[in-house]
All heavy atoms as atom14 arrays in JSON, in Angstrom:
{
  "sequence": "TFLFSMNATSSKFYLSGVSLNATRPDTQVSESNHS",
  "atom14_mask": [
    [1, 1, 1, 1, 1, 1, 1, 0, 0, 0, 0, 0, 0, 0],
    [1, 1, 1, 1, 1, 1, 1, 1, 1, 1, 1, 0, 0, 0],
    [1, 1, 1, 1, 1, 1, 1, 1, 0, 0, 0, 0, 0, 0],
    [1, 1, 1, 1, 1, 1, 1, 1, 1, 1, 1, 0, 0, 0],
    [1, 1, 1, 1, 1, 1, 0, 0, 0, 0, 0, 0, 0, 0],
    [1, 1, 1, 1, 1, 1, 1, 1, 0, 0, 0, 0, 0, 0],
    [1, 1, 1, 1, 1, 1, 1, 1, 0, 0, 0, 0, 0, 0],
    [1, 1, 1, 1, 1, 0, 0, 0, 0, 0, 0, 0, 0, 0],
    [1, 1, 1, 1, 1, 1, 1, 0, 0, 0, 0, 0, 0, 0],
    [1, 1, 1, 1, 1, 1, 0, 0, 0, 0, 0, 0, 0, 0],
    [1, 1, 1, 1, 1, 1, 0, 0, 0, 0, 0, 0, 0, 0],
    [1, 1, 1, 1, 1, 1, 1, 1, 1, 0, 0, 0, 0, 0],
    [1, 1, 1, 1, 1, 1, 1, 1, 1, 1, 1, 0, 0, 0],
    [1, 1, 1, 1, 1, 1, 1, 1, 1, 1, 1, 1, 0, 0],
    [1, 1, 1, 1, 1, 1, 1, 1, 0, 0, 0, 0, 0, 0],
    [1, 1, 1, 1, 1, 1, 0, 0, 0, 0, 0, 0, 0, 0],
    [1, 1, 1, 1, 0, 0, 0, 0, 0, 0, 0, 0, 0, 0],
    [1, 1, 1, 1, 1, 1, 1, 0, 0, 0, 0, 0, 0, 0],
    [1, 1, 1, 1, 1, 1, 0, 0, 0, 0, 0, 0, 0, 0],
    [1, 1, 1, 1, 1, 1, 1, 1, 0, 0, 0, 0, 0, 0],
    [1, 1, 1, 1, 1, 1, 1, 1, 0, 0, 0, 0, 0, 0],
    [1, 1, 1, 1, 1, 0, 0, 0, 0, 0, 0, 0, 0, 0],
    [1, 1, 1, 1, 1, 1, 1, 0, 0, 0, 0, 0, 0, 0],
    [1, 1, 1, 1, 1, 1, 1, 1, 1, 1, 1, 0, 0, 0],
    [1, 1, 1, 1, 1, 1, 1, 0, 0, 0, 0, 0, 0, 0],
    [1, 1, 1, 1, 1, 1, 1, 1, 0, 0, 0, 0, 0, 0],
    [1, 1, 1, 1, 1, 1, 1, 0, 0, 0, 0, 0, 0, 0],
    [1, 1, 1, 1, 1, 1, 1, 1, 1, 0, 0, 0, 0, 0],
    [1, 1, 1, 1, 1, 1, 1, 0, 0, 0, 0, 0, 0, 0],
    [1, 1, 1, 1, 1, 1, 0, 0, 0, 0, 0, 0, 0, 0],
    [1, 1, 1, 1, 1, 1, 1, 1, 1, 0, 0, 0, 0, 0],
    [1, 1, 1, 1, 1, 1, 0, 0, 0, 0, 0, 0, 0, 0],
    [1, 1, 1, 1, 1, 1, 1, 1, 0, 0, 0, 0, 0, 0],
    [1, 1, 1, 1, 1, 1, 1, 1, 1, 1, 0, 0, 0, 0],
    [1, 1, 1, 1, 1, 1, 0, 0, 0, 0, 0, 0, 0, 0]
  ],
  "atom14_positions": [
    [[0.83, -1.2, 0.0], [0.0, 0.0, 0.0], [0.87, 1.25, 0.0], [1.81, 1.37, 0.79], [-0.92, 0.03, 1.24], [-1.72, -1.15, 1.28], [-1.83, 1.25, 1.2], [0.0, 0.0, 0.0], [0.0, 0.0, 0.0], [0.0, 0.0, 0.0], [0.0, 0.0, 0.0], [0.0, 0.0, 0.0], [0.0, 0.0, 0.0], [0.0, 0.0, 0.0]],
    [[0.53, 2.19, -0.9], [1.17, 3.5, -0.93], [0.12, 4.55, -0.58], [-0.95, 4.6, -1.19], [1.74, 3.81, -2.32], [2.89, 2.95, -2.73], [2.68, 1.84, -3.55], [4.18, 3.23, -2.32], [3.75, 1.05, -3.94], [5.25, 2.44, -2.7], [5.03, 1.34, -3.52], [0.0, 0.0, 0.0], [0.0, 0.0, 0.0], [0.0, 0.0, 0.0]],
    [[0.43, 5.42, 0.37], [-0.46, 6.5, 0.77], [0.17, 7.84, 0.43], [1.28, 8.15, 0.87], [-0.75, 6.44, 2.27], [-1.56, 7.59, 2.85], [-2.96, 7.63, 2.23], [-1.65, 7.5, 4.37], [0.0, 0.0, 0.0], [0.0, 0.0, 0.0], [0.0, 0.0, 0.0], [0.0, 0.0, 0.0], [0.0, 0.0, 0.0], [0.0, 0.0, 0.0]],
    [[-0.52, 8.62, -0.4], [-0.07, 9.96, -0.77], [-0.92, 11.0, -0.06], [-2.15, 10.85, 0.04], [-0.17, 10.17, -2.28], [0.78, 9.32, -3.07], [0.42, 8.05, -3.48], [2.04, 9.8, -3.41], [1.29, 7.26, -4.22], [2.92, 9.02, -4.14], [2.54, 7.74, -4.55], [0.0, 0.0, 0.0], [0.0, 0.0, 0.0], [0.0, 0.0, 0.0]],
    [[-0.27, 12.04, 0.41], [-0.97, 13.11, 1.12], [-0.71, 14.44, 0.42], [0.25, 14.59, -0.34], [-0.5, 13.2, 2.58], [-0.81, 12.0, 3.28], [0.0, 0.0, 0.0], [0.0, 0.0, 0.0], [0.0, 0.0, 0.0], [0.0, 0.0, 0.0], [0.0, 0.0, 0.0], [0.0, 0.0, 0.0], [0.0, 0.0, 0.0], [0.0, 0.0, 0.0]],
    [[-1.59, 15.41, 0.71], [-1.5, 16.73, 0.09], [-1.28, 17.79, 1.16], [-1.88, 17.74, 2.24], [-2.79, 17.05, -0.68], [-2.81, 18.44, -1.29], [-4.48, 18.98, -1.76], [-4.95, 17.71, -2.93], [0.0, 0.0, 0.0], [0.0, 0.0, 0.0], [0.0, 0.0, 0.0], [0.0, 0.0, 0.0], [0.0, 0.0, 0.0], [0.0, 0.0, 0.0]],
    [[-0.4, 18.73, 0.84], [-0.22, 19.9, 1.68], [-0.79, 21.08, 0.92], [-0.14, 21.63, 0.02], [1.27, 20.11, 2.0], [1.5, 21.23, 3.0], [0.77, 22.21, 3.03], [2.54, 21.08, 3.81], [0.0, 0.0, 0.0], [0.0, 0.0, 0.0], [0.0, 0.0, 0.0], [0.0, 0.0, 0.0], [0.0, 0.0, 0.0], [0.0, 0.0, 0.0]],
    [[-2.01, 21.46, 1.24], [-2.69, 22.52, 0.49], [-1.99, 23.87, 0.64], [-2.02, 24.69, -0.28], [-4.14, 22.63, 0.96], [0.0, 0.0, 0.0], [0.0, 0.0, 0.0], [0.0, 0.0, 0.0], [0.0, 0.0, 0.0], [0.0, 0.0, 0.0], [0.0, 0.0, 0.0], [0.0, 0.0, 0.0], [0.0, 0.0, 0.0], [0.0, 0.0, 0.0]],
    [[-1.33, 24.09, 1.77], [-0.65, 25.36, 2.0], [0.49, 25.58, 1.02], [0.67, 26.65, 0.45], [-0.13, 25.44, 3.44], [-1.21, 25.24, 4.35], [0.53, 26.78, 3.7], [0.0, 0.0, 0.0], [0.0, 0.0, 0.0], [0.0, 0.0, 0.0], [0.0, 0.0, 0.0], [0.0, 0.0, 0.0], [0.0, 0.0, 0.0], [0.0, 0.0, 0.0]],
    [[1.29, 24.53, 0.81], [2.44, 24.63, -0.09], [2.14, 24.13, -1.49], [3.01, 24.18, -2.36], [3.62, 23.84, 0.49], [3.28, 22.45, 0.6], [0.0, 0.0, 0.0], [0.0, 0.0, 0.0], [0.0, 0.0, 0.0], [0.0, 0.0, 0.0], [0.0, 0.0, 0.0], [0.0, 0.0, 0.0], [0.0, 0.0, 0.0], [0.0, 0.0, 0.0]],
    [[0.91, 23.63, -1.71], [0.51, 23.06, -3.01], [1.44, 21.93, -3.43], [1.84, 21.82, -4.6], [0.48, 24.15, -4.1], [-0.48, 25.13, -3.78], [0.0, 0.0, 0.0], [0.0, 0.0, 0.0], [0.0, 0.0, 0.0], [0.0, 0.0, 0.0], [0.0, 0.0, 0.0], [0.0, 0.0, 0.0], [0.0, 0.0, 0.0], [0.0, 0.0, 0.0]],
    [[1.79, 21.08, -2.46], [2.67, 19.95, -2.72], [1.99, 18.64, -2.31], [1.16, 18.61, -1.41], [3.98, 20.08, -1.91], [4.83, 21.29, -2.26], [5.53, 21.1, -3.59], [6.49, 22.24, -3.88], [7.21, 22.07, -5.16], [0.0, 0.0, 0.0], [0.0, 0.0, 0.0], [0.0, 0.0, 0.0], [0.0, 0.0, 0.0], [0.0, 0.0, 0.0]],
    [[2.35, 17.56, -3.01], [1.95, 16.22, -2.59], [3.21, 15.43, -2.25], [4.32, 15.78, -2.69], [1.13, 15.51, -3.67], [1.9, 15.18, -4.92], [2.7, 14.04, -5.0], [1.82, 15.99, -6.05], [3.41, 13.73, -6.15], [2.52, 15.69, -7.21], [3.32, 14.56, -7.26], [0.0, 0.0, 0.0], [0.0, 0.0, 0.0], [0.0, 0.0, 0.0]],
    [[3.05, 14.35, -1.49], [4.21, 13.53, -1.11], [3.73, 12.15, -0.68], [2.56, 11.96, -0.31], [5.01, 14.19, 0.01], [4.23, 14.45, 1.29], [4.29, 13.58, 2.37], [3.4, 15.57, 1.4], [3.56, 13.82, 3.52], [2.67, 15.82, 2.55], [2.76, 14.93, 3.62], [2.03, 15.16, 4.75], [0.0, 0.0, 0.0], [0.0, 0.0, 0.0]],
    [[4.64, 11.18, -0.74], [4.35, 9.83, -0.26], [4.53, 9.82, 1.25], [5.64, 9.96, 1.76], [5.3, 8.82, -0.91], [5.15, 7.36, -0.47], [3.81, 6.79, -0.91], [6.29, 6.51, -1.04], [0.0, 0.0, 0.0], [0.0, 0.0, 0.0], [0.0, 0.0, 0.0], [0.0, 0.0, 0.0], [0.0, 0.0, 0.0], [0.0, 0.0, 0.0]],
    [[3.42, 9.65, 1.98], [3.47, 9.75, 3.44], [3.44, 8.4, 4.14], [3.77, 8.32, 5.33], [2.29, 10.59, 3.94], [1.05, 10.01, 3.53], [0.0, 0.0, 0.0], [0.0, 0.0, 0.0], [0.0, 0.0, 0.0], [0.0, 0.0, 0.0], [0.0, 0.0, 0.0], [0.0, 0.0, 0.0], [0.0, 0.0, 0.0], [0.0, 0.0, 0.0]],
    [[3.06, 7.34, 3.44], [2.98, 6.04, 4.1], [3.15, 4.87, 3.15], [2.74, 4.94, 1.99], [0.0, 0.0, 0.0], [0.0, 0.0, 0.0], [0.0, 0.0, 0.0], [0.0, 0.0, 0.0], [0.0, 0.0, 0.0], [0.0, 0.0, 0.0], [0.0, 0.0, 0.0], [0.0, 0.0, 0.0], [0.0, 0.0, 0.0], [0.0, 0.0, 0.0]],
    [[3.77, 3.8, 3.64], [3.92, 2.54, 2.89], [3.7, 1.4, 3.85], [4.21, 1.4, 4.98], [5.32, 2.41, 2.25], [5.46, 1.06, 1.54], [5.58, 3.54, 1.26], [0.0, 0.0, 0.0], [0.0, 0.0, 0.0], [0.0, 0.0, 0.0], [0.0, 0.0, 0.0], [0.0, 0.0, 0.0], [0.0, 0.0, 0.0], [0.0, 0.0, 0.0]],
    [[2.9, 0.42, 3.42], [2.64, -0.77, 4.25], [2.85, -2.03, 3.4], [2.55, -2.03, 2.2], [1.22, -0.76, 4.8], [1.01, 0.38, 5.62], [0.0, 0.0, 0.0], [0.0, 0.0, 0.0], [0.0, 0.0, 0.0], [0.0, 0.0, 0.0], [0.0, 0.0, 0.0], [0.0, 0.0, 0.0], [0.0, 0.0, 0.0], [0.0, 0.0, 0.0]],
    [[3.35, -3.07, 4.04], [3.55, -4.36, 3.37], [3.07, -5.49, 4.26], [3.4, -5.54, 5.45], [5.02, -4.57, 3.04], [5.4, -5.97, 2.51], [4.79, -6.21, 1.13], [6.92, -6.15, 2.46], [0.0, 0.0, 0.0], [0.0, 0.0, 0.0], [0.0, 0.0, 0.0], [0.0, 0.0, 0.0], [0.0, 0.0, 0.0], [0.0, 0.0, 0.0]],
    [[2.27, -6.37, 3.68], [1.9, -7.62, 4.34], [2.12, -8.75, 3.33], [1.65, -8.67, 2.2], [0.43, -7.61, 4.78], [0.2, -6.71, 5.98], [0.53, -7.06, 7.1], [-0.34, -5.52, 5.74], [0.0, 0.0, 0.0], [0.0, 0.0, 0.0], [0.0, 0.0, 0.0], [0.0, 0.0, 0.0], [0.0, 0.0, 0.0], [0.0, 0.0, 0.0]],
    [[2.86, -9.76, 3.76], [3.16, -10.88, 2.87], [3.32, -12.15, 3.7], [3.67, -12.1, 4.89], [4.43, -10.62, 2.06], [0.0, 0.0, 0.0], [0.0, 0.0, 0.0], [0.0, 0.0, 0.0], [0.0, 0.0, 0.0], [0.0, 0.0, 0.0], [0.0, 0.0, 0.0], [0.0, 0.0, 0.0], [0.0, 0.0, 0.0], [0.0, 0.0, 0.0]],
    [[3.07, -13.28, 3.07], [3.15, -14.57, 3.74], [4.18, -15.44, 3.03], [4.08, -15.68, 1.83], [1.8, -15.29, 3.75], [0.83, -14.46, 4.41], [1.89, -16.62, 4.48], [0.0, 0.0, 0.0], [0.0, 0.0, 0.0], [0.0, 0.0, 0.0], [0.0, 0.0, 0.0], [0.0, 0.0, 0.0], [0.0, 0.0, 0.0], [0.0, 0.0, 0.0]],
    [[5.17, -15.88, 3.79], [6.15, -16.83, 3.29], [5.96, -18.16, 4.0], [5.33, -18.21, 5.06], [7.58, -16.31, 3.55], [8.02, -15.22, 2.61], [9.29, -14.55, 3.09], [10.27, -15.46, 3.69], [11.44, -15.78, 3.12], [11.75, -15.31, 1.93], [12.3, -16.56, 3.75], [0.0, 0.0, 0.0], [0.0, 0.0, 0.0], [0.0, 0.0, 0.0]],
    [[6.48, -19.24, 3.45], [6.31, -20.54, 4.13], [6.89, -20.56, 5.54], [6.4, -21.28, 6.41], [7.08, -21.51, 3.21], [7.06, -20.86, 1.88], [7.13, -19.4, 2.14], [0.0, 0.0, 0.0], [0.0, 0.0, 0.0], [0.0, 0.0, 0.0], [0.0, 0.0, 0.0], [0.0, 0.0, 0.0], [0.0, 0.0, 0.0], [0.0, 0.0, 0.0]],
    [[7.93, -19.72, 5.78], [8.6, -19.76, 7.08], [8.2, -18.62, 8.02], [8.5, -18.67, 9.21], [10.12, -19.74, 6.89], [10.57, -18.53, 6.06], [9.71, -17.91, 5.41], [11.77, -18.22, 6.07], [0.0, 0.0, 0.0], [0.0, 0.0, 0.0], [0.0, 0.0, 0.0], [0.0, 0.0, 0.0], [0.0, 0.0, 0.0], [0.0, 0.0, 0.0]],
    [[7.51, -17.6, 7.5], [7.19, -16.46, 8.37], [6.13, -15.56, 7.76], [5.84, -15.63, 6.56], [8.46, -15.62, 8.66], [8.16, -14.63, 9.64], [8.93, -14.92, 7.4], [0.0, 0.0, 0.0], [0.0, 0.0, 0.0], [0.0, 0.0, 0.0], [0.0, 0.0, 0.0], [0.0, 0.0, 0.0], [0.0, 0.0, 0.0], [0.0, 0.0, 0.0]],
    [[5.56, -14.71, 8.59], [4.59, -13.69, 8.16], [5.28, -12.34, 8.23], [5.87, -11.98, 9.25], [3.37, -13.7, 9.08], [2.35, -12.61, 8.79], [1.57, -12.86, 7.51], [1.33, -14.0, 7.15], [1.19, -11.79, 6.83], [0.0, 0.0, 0.0], [0.0, 0.0, 0.0], [0.0, 0.0, 0.0], [0.0, 0.0, 0.0], [0.0, 0.0, 0.0]],
    [[5.24, -11.58, 7.13], [5.9, -10.28, 7.06], [4.86, -9.19, 7.2], [3.84, -9.19, 6.5], [6.66, -10.12, 5.74], [7.24, -8.72, 5.62], [7.76, -11.16, 5.62], [0.0, 0.0, 0.0], [0.0, 0.0, 0.0], [0.0, 0.0, 0.0], [0.0, 0.0, 0.0], [0.0, 0.0, 0.0], [0.0, 0.0, 0.0], [0.0, 0.0, 0.0]],
    [[5.09, -8.23, 8.1], [4.2, -7.09, 8.27], [5.05, -5.88, 8.64], [5.64, -5.83, 9.73], [3.17, -7.38, 9.36], [2.3, -6.28, 9.53], [0.0, 0.0, 0.0], [0.0, 0.0, 0.0], [0.0, 0.0, 0.0], [0.0, 0.0, 0.0], [0.0, 0.0, 0.0], [0.0, 0.0, 0.0], [0.0, 0.0, 0.0], [0.0, 0.0, 0.0]],
    [[5.14, -4.91, 7.72], [5.94, -3.7, 7.92], [5.14, -2.49, 7.47], [4.43, -2.55, 6.46], [7.25, -3.77, 7.12], [8.16, -4.94, 7.46], [8.9, -4.77, 8.76], [8.94, -3.62, 9.27], [9.43, -5.76, 9.29], [0.0, 0.0, 0.0], [0.0, 0.0, 0.0], [0.0, 0.0, 0.0], [0.0, 0.0, 0.0], [0.0, 0.0, 0.0]],
    [[5.25, -1.38, 8.2], [4.54, -0.17, 7.8], [5.17, 1.06, 8.44], [5.81, 0.97, 9.5], [3.06, -0.24, 8.17], [2.9, -0.25, 9.58], [0.0, 0.0, 0.0], [0.0, 0.0, 0.0], [0.0, 0.0, 0.0], [0.0, 0.0, 0.0], [0.0, 0.0, 0.0], [0.0, 0.0, 0.0], [0.0, 0.0, 0.0], [0.0, 0.0, 0.0]],
    [[4.98, 2.19, 7.76], [5.44, 3.48, 8.29], [4.59, 4.55, 7.63], [4.53, 4.65, 6.4], [6.92, 3.7, 7.98], [7.48, 4.94, 8.67], [6.74, 5.81, 9.11], [8.8, 5.02, 8.76], [0.0, 0.0, 0.0], [0.0, 0.0, 0.0], [0.0, 0.0, 0.0], [0.0, 0.0, 0.0], [0.0, 0.0, 0.0], [0.0, 0.0, 0.0]],
    [[3.91, 5.37, 8.45], [3.04, 6.42, 7.94], [3.56, 7.81, 8.33], [2.79, 8.76, 8.47], [1.61, 6.22, 8.44], [0.93, 5.05, 7.81], [1.07, 3.76, 8.3], [0.14, 4.96, 6.72], [0.37, 2.93, 7.54], [-0.2, 3.63, 6.58], [0.0, 0.0, 0.0], [0.0, 0.0, 0.0], [0.0, 0.0, 0.0], [0.0, 0.0, 0.0]],
    [[4.88, 7.9, 8.46], [5.52, 9.19, 8.75], [6.62, 9.47, 7.74], [7.68, 10.0, 8.08], [6.09, 9.18, 10.18], [5.09, 8.95, 11.14], [0.0, 0.0, 0.0], [0.0, 0.0, 0.0], [0.0, 0.0, 0.0], [0.0, 0.0, 0.0], [0.0, 0.0, 0.0], [0.0, 0.0, 0.0], [0.0, 0.0, 0.0], [0.0, 0.0, 0.0]]
  ]
}
C-alpha cells in the first residue's frame, strides 16, 4: 500500500505512508510506516 498526502498550503503532494503484508512458508511479514 502507498499512501499519498496533500499539503494545500504549499501546493505539494508527497508519499506519506507505505505498508507491506506478505506470507512466506517460514514467516509472516508485516511492515509499515506512515511518517
